[in-house]
N, C-alpha and C. Protein backbone atom coordinates (compact mmCIF):
# COMPACT_ATOMS: atom_id res chain seq x y z
N MET A 1 83.61 -8.94 -165.19
CA MET A 1 82.77 -7.91 -164.60
C MET A 1 81.57 -7.69 -165.50
N LYS A 2 80.38 -7.67 -164.89
CA LYS A 2 79.15 -7.38 -165.63
C LYS A 2 79.06 -5.88 -165.88
N LEU A 3 78.67 -5.52 -167.09
CA LEU A 3 78.45 -4.13 -167.46
C LEU A 3 77.04 -3.99 -167.99
N SER A 4 76.32 -2.96 -167.53
CA SER A 4 74.94 -2.80 -167.96
C SER A 4 74.56 -1.33 -168.06
N THR A 5 73.75 -1.02 -169.05
CA THR A 5 73.23 0.35 -169.18
C THR A 5 71.95 0.53 -168.38
N THR A 6 71.49 -0.54 -167.73
CA THR A 6 70.30 -0.47 -166.88
C THR A 6 70.69 -0.76 -165.44
N GLU A 7 69.77 -0.51 -164.52
CA GLU A 7 70.09 -0.81 -163.12
C GLU A 7 69.72 -2.24 -162.73
N ASN A 8 68.88 -2.89 -163.52
CA ASN A 8 68.44 -4.24 -163.22
C ASN A 8 69.31 -5.25 -163.96
N ILE A 9 70.10 -6.01 -163.19
CA ILE A 9 70.96 -7.03 -163.80
C ILE A 9 70.55 -8.43 -163.34
N GLY A 10 69.37 -8.53 -162.76
CA GLY A 10 68.83 -9.83 -162.38
C GLY A 10 69.28 -10.38 -161.05
N VAL A 11 70.03 -9.60 -160.30
CA VAL A 11 70.50 -10.01 -158.97
C VAL A 11 70.43 -8.81 -158.03
N ASP A 12 70.44 -9.10 -156.73
CA ASP A 12 70.51 -8.03 -155.74
C ASP A 12 71.96 -7.61 -155.56
N TYR A 13 72.15 -6.34 -155.27
CA TYR A 13 73.51 -5.85 -155.09
C TYR A 13 73.53 -4.66 -154.14
N ASP A 14 74.71 -4.38 -153.62
CA ASP A 14 74.97 -3.19 -152.81
C ASP A 14 75.70 -2.18 -153.67
N ILE A 15 75.31 -0.93 -153.56
CA ILE A 15 75.96 0.15 -154.32
C ILE A 15 77.26 0.52 -153.62
N LEU A 16 78.33 0.60 -154.39
CA LEU A 16 79.63 0.99 -153.85
C LEU A 16 79.93 2.47 -154.09
N SER A 17 79.91 2.87 -155.36
CA SER A 17 80.29 4.25 -155.68
C SER A 17 80.09 4.51 -157.17
N VAL A 18 80.04 5.77 -157.52
CA VAL A 18 80.09 6.16 -158.93
C VAL A 18 81.54 5.98 -159.38
N VAL A 19 81.71 5.40 -160.56
CA VAL A 19 83.04 5.23 -161.14
C VAL A 19 83.07 5.86 -162.52
N GLU A 20 84.25 6.26 -162.93
CA GLU A 20 84.36 6.89 -164.24
C GLU A 20 85.72 6.60 -164.85
N GLY A 21 85.78 6.77 -166.13
CA GLY A 21 87.03 6.67 -166.88
C GLY A 21 86.94 7.66 -168.02
N ASN A 22 88.05 8.31 -168.34
CA ASN A 22 88.00 9.26 -169.43
C ASN A 22 89.27 9.23 -170.25
N VAL A 23 89.20 9.83 -171.41
CA VAL A 23 90.35 9.98 -172.29
C VAL A 23 90.13 11.28 -173.09
N ILE A 24 91.22 11.99 -173.31
CA ILE A 24 91.18 13.17 -174.17
C ILE A 24 91.76 12.74 -175.52
N GLN A 25 90.98 12.91 -176.55
CA GLN A 25 91.39 12.47 -177.89
C GLN A 25 91.59 13.69 -178.77
N THR A 26 92.74 13.74 -179.45
CA THR A 26 93.00 14.84 -180.38
C THR A 26 92.89 14.35 -181.81
N ARG A 27 92.65 15.29 -182.68
CA ARG A 27 92.56 14.95 -184.10
C ARG A 27 93.95 14.96 -184.72
N HIS A 28 94.03 14.36 -185.89
CA HIS A 28 95.28 14.28 -186.64
C HIS A 28 95.11 15.09 -187.92
N ILE A 29 96.11 15.86 -188.29
CA ILE A 29 96.01 16.74 -189.45
C ILE A 29 95.68 15.97 -190.73
N GLY A 30 96.24 14.77 -190.89
CA GLY A 30 95.93 13.96 -192.07
C GLY A 30 94.46 13.57 -192.12
N ARG A 31 93.91 13.25 -190.96
CA ARG A 31 92.48 12.92 -190.89
C ARG A 31 91.63 14.13 -191.22
N ASP A 32 92.09 15.30 -190.76
CA ASP A 32 91.33 16.52 -191.02
C ASP A 32 91.24 16.83 -192.51
N ILE A 33 92.30 16.56 -193.24
CA ILE A 33 92.29 16.80 -194.70
C ILE A 33 91.25 15.89 -195.35
N MET A 34 91.25 14.61 -194.98
CA MET A 34 90.27 13.67 -195.54
C MET A 34 88.85 14.03 -195.10
N ALA A 35 88.70 14.48 -193.86
CA ALA A 35 87.37 14.88 -193.37
C ALA A 35 86.85 16.06 -194.19
N GLY A 36 87.73 16.98 -194.52
CA GLY A 36 87.32 18.13 -195.33
C GLY A 36 86.82 17.70 -196.70
N ILE A 37 87.48 16.71 -197.28
CA ILE A 37 87.04 16.19 -198.58
C ILE A 37 85.69 15.49 -198.43
N LYS A 38 85.53 14.71 -197.35
CA LYS A 38 84.27 13.99 -197.12
C LYS A 38 83.10 14.97 -196.93
N THR A 39 83.34 16.14 -196.35
CA THR A 39 82.24 17.09 -196.16
C THR A 39 81.74 17.61 -197.50
N ILE A 40 82.58 17.55 -198.51
CA ILE A 40 82.18 17.99 -199.85
C ILE A 40 81.44 16.89 -200.58
N VAL A 41 81.99 15.66 -200.55
CA VAL A 41 81.41 14.57 -201.33
C VAL A 41 80.47 13.69 -200.52
N GLY A 42 80.51 13.80 -199.20
CA GLY A 42 79.63 13.00 -198.34
C GLY A 42 80.24 11.65 -198.01
N GLY A 43 79.67 11.01 -197.01
CA GLY A 43 80.13 9.68 -196.62
C GLY A 43 80.72 9.67 -195.23
N GLU A 44 80.92 8.46 -194.75
CA GLU A 44 81.48 8.25 -193.41
C GLU A 44 82.97 8.57 -193.39
N ILE A 45 83.42 9.19 -192.32
CA ILE A 45 84.84 9.43 -192.12
C ILE A 45 85.34 8.30 -191.22
N LYS A 46 85.75 7.21 -191.87
CA LYS A 46 86.07 5.98 -191.15
C LYS A 46 87.22 6.14 -190.16
N SER A 47 88.18 6.98 -190.47
CA SER A 47 89.30 7.16 -189.53
C SER A 47 88.81 7.81 -188.23
N TYR A 48 87.84 8.71 -188.32
CA TYR A 48 87.26 9.32 -187.11
C TYR A 48 86.41 8.31 -186.36
N THR A 49 85.67 7.49 -187.08
CA THR A 49 84.86 6.45 -186.43
C THR A 49 85.76 5.51 -185.64
N THR A 50 86.84 5.07 -186.25
CA THR A 50 87.79 4.19 -185.58
C THR A 50 88.41 4.88 -184.37
N MET A 51 88.79 6.14 -184.54
CA MET A 51 89.41 6.89 -183.46
C MET A 51 88.47 7.02 -182.26
N MET A 52 87.20 7.34 -182.49
CA MET A 52 86.25 7.52 -181.41
C MET A 52 85.85 6.18 -180.78
N THR A 53 85.80 5.12 -181.56
CA THR A 53 85.53 3.79 -181.01
C THR A 53 86.64 3.40 -180.04
N LYS A 54 87.88 3.66 -180.42
CA LYS A 54 89.02 3.36 -179.55
C LYS A 54 88.97 4.23 -178.29
N ALA A 55 88.61 5.48 -178.43
CA ALA A 55 88.53 6.38 -177.27
C ALA A 55 87.45 5.91 -176.30
N ARG A 56 86.29 5.50 -176.80
CA ARG A 56 85.23 4.98 -175.91
C ARG A 56 85.69 3.70 -175.21
N SER A 57 86.37 2.85 -175.93
CA SER A 57 86.87 1.61 -175.34
C SER A 57 87.88 1.90 -174.23
N THR A 58 88.77 2.84 -174.46
CA THR A 58 89.76 3.22 -173.45
C THR A 58 89.08 3.79 -172.22
N ALA A 59 88.10 4.68 -172.41
CA ALA A 59 87.37 5.26 -171.29
C ALA A 59 86.66 4.17 -170.49
N GLN A 60 86.05 3.22 -171.19
CA GLN A 60 85.35 2.12 -170.51
C GLN A 60 86.33 1.26 -169.72
N GLU A 61 87.49 0.94 -170.31
CA GLU A 61 88.50 0.14 -169.61
C GLU A 61 88.95 0.84 -168.33
N ARG A 62 89.13 2.15 -168.38
CA ARG A 62 89.56 2.91 -167.20
C ARG A 62 88.48 2.92 -166.12
N MET A 63 87.23 2.99 -166.54
CA MET A 63 86.11 2.93 -165.60
C MET A 63 86.09 1.56 -164.91
N VAL A 64 86.26 0.50 -165.66
CA VAL A 64 86.27 -0.86 -165.11
C VAL A 64 87.42 -1.02 -164.12
N GLU A 65 88.59 -0.49 -164.43
CA GLU A 65 89.73 -0.58 -163.52
C GLU A 65 89.42 0.12 -162.20
N GLU A 66 88.77 1.27 -162.26
CA GLU A 66 88.39 1.99 -161.04
C GLU A 66 87.41 1.15 -160.21
N ALA A 67 86.46 0.50 -160.88
CA ALA A 67 85.49 -0.35 -160.18
C ALA A 67 86.17 -1.56 -159.54
N LYS A 68 87.13 -2.15 -160.23
CA LYS A 68 87.86 -3.31 -159.68
C LYS A 68 88.59 -2.93 -158.40
N LYS A 69 89.15 -1.73 -158.35
CA LYS A 69 89.86 -1.26 -157.15
C LYS A 69 88.92 -1.18 -155.95
N LEU A 70 87.63 -0.99 -156.21
CA LEU A 70 86.63 -0.92 -155.14
C LEU A 70 86.10 -2.30 -154.77
N GLY A 71 86.48 -3.33 -155.52
CA GLY A 71 85.98 -4.68 -155.28
C GLY A 71 84.63 -4.93 -155.90
N ALA A 72 84.28 -4.18 -156.92
CA ALA A 72 82.97 -4.31 -157.58
C ALA A 72 82.90 -5.57 -158.42
N ASP A 73 81.66 -6.09 -158.54
CA ASP A 73 81.38 -7.23 -159.41
C ASP A 73 80.73 -6.78 -160.72
N ALA A 74 80.16 -5.57 -160.71
CA ALA A 74 79.43 -5.08 -161.87
C ALA A 74 79.40 -3.55 -161.85
N ILE A 75 79.10 -2.99 -163.02
CA ILE A 75 78.84 -1.56 -163.13
C ILE A 75 77.49 -1.42 -163.82
N VAL A 76 76.57 -0.71 -163.17
CA VAL A 76 75.23 -0.52 -163.72
C VAL A 76 75.03 0.93 -164.12
N ASN A 77 73.99 1.16 -164.92
CA ASN A 77 73.64 2.50 -165.39
C ASN A 77 74.80 3.19 -166.11
N ILE A 78 75.52 2.45 -166.93
CA ILE A 78 76.67 3.00 -167.65
C ILE A 78 76.20 4.00 -168.71
N ARG A 79 76.93 5.11 -168.78
CA ARG A 79 76.66 6.14 -169.77
C ARG A 79 77.99 6.60 -170.37
N PHE A 80 77.92 7.13 -171.58
CA PHE A 80 79.07 7.73 -172.25
C PHE A 80 78.69 9.16 -172.64
N THR A 81 79.65 10.04 -172.55
CA THR A 81 79.43 11.40 -172.99
C THR A 81 80.71 11.95 -173.60
N THR A 82 80.57 12.94 -174.43
CA THR A 82 81.73 13.61 -175.02
C THR A 82 81.60 15.11 -174.82
N ALA A 83 82.73 15.78 -174.79
CA ALA A 83 82.74 17.23 -174.66
C ALA A 83 83.97 17.78 -175.36
N ASP A 84 83.81 18.91 -176.03
CA ASP A 84 84.97 19.59 -176.62
C ASP A 84 85.79 20.20 -175.50
N ILE A 85 87.09 19.98 -175.55
CA ILE A 85 87.99 20.55 -174.56
C ILE A 85 88.63 21.81 -175.13
N LEU A 86 89.12 21.71 -176.33
CA LEU A 86 89.65 22.83 -177.09
C LEU A 86 89.55 22.45 -178.55
N GLN A 87 89.83 23.38 -179.42
CA GLN A 87 89.70 23.07 -180.84
C GLN A 87 90.62 21.92 -181.21
N GLY A 88 90.05 20.86 -181.73
CA GLY A 88 90.83 19.71 -182.15
C GLY A 88 90.98 18.63 -181.10
N ALA A 89 90.35 18.81 -179.92
CA ALA A 89 90.46 17.80 -178.87
C ALA A 89 89.11 17.65 -178.17
N ALA A 90 88.77 16.41 -177.85
CA ALA A 90 87.51 16.12 -177.17
C ALA A 90 87.74 15.10 -176.07
N GLU A 91 86.94 15.21 -175.02
CA GLU A 91 86.99 14.23 -173.94
C GLU A 91 85.88 13.21 -174.15
N VAL A 92 86.19 11.95 -173.96
CA VAL A 92 85.20 10.89 -173.92
C VAL A 92 85.18 10.40 -172.47
N LEU A 93 84.00 10.41 -171.86
CA LEU A 93 83.84 10.03 -170.46
C LEU A 93 82.86 8.86 -170.38
N ALA A 94 83.26 7.81 -169.66
CA ALA A 94 82.37 6.69 -169.35
C ALA A 94 82.15 6.72 -167.86
N TYR A 95 80.88 6.57 -167.43
CA TYR A 95 80.60 6.57 -165.99
C TYR A 95 79.44 5.66 -165.69
N GLY A 96 79.40 5.19 -164.45
CA GLY A 96 78.34 4.29 -164.02
C GLY A 96 78.44 4.08 -162.52
N THR A 97 77.63 3.16 -162.00
CA THR A 97 77.60 2.87 -160.58
C THR A 97 78.21 1.50 -160.34
N ALA A 98 79.30 1.48 -159.57
CA ALA A 98 79.96 0.22 -159.21
C ALA A 98 79.14 -0.44 -158.12
N VAL A 99 78.91 -1.75 -158.27
CA VAL A 99 78.09 -2.50 -157.30
C VAL A 99 78.77 -3.81 -156.92
N LYS A 100 78.41 -4.29 -155.73
CA LYS A 100 78.88 -5.59 -155.24
C LYS A 100 77.66 -6.50 -155.18
N ILE A 101 77.69 -7.61 -155.90
CA ILE A 101 76.57 -8.54 -155.95
C ILE A 101 76.45 -9.27 -154.63
N LYS A 102 75.21 -9.31 -154.10
CA LYS A 102 74.94 -10.02 -152.84
C LYS A 102 74.96 -11.52 -153.12
N LYS A 103 75.57 -12.26 -152.24
CA LYS A 103 75.67 -13.71 -152.43
C LYS A 103 74.61 -14.43 -151.63
């Protein structure tokens, strides 16, 4: 499946529907302790980077699965967003437009 952050993928297509995938990610107390230390000394919090990269990947995979159910060949105008759900938990949302490539 083609994935694009733009609407132009070099072919004509029919729009099927908006598709999305999301995941709610919570923090881990051990990570929070290290994050607190990093805020004092500075630097990247690699465990959080890894955690959020995995969350974005999961959200994208779920979006692709939704598009496949519609018979899509591609998803265009893909975007990612995050939102706090409650203290210690955030939602990662991937969304885009599922399309069927004209043959």
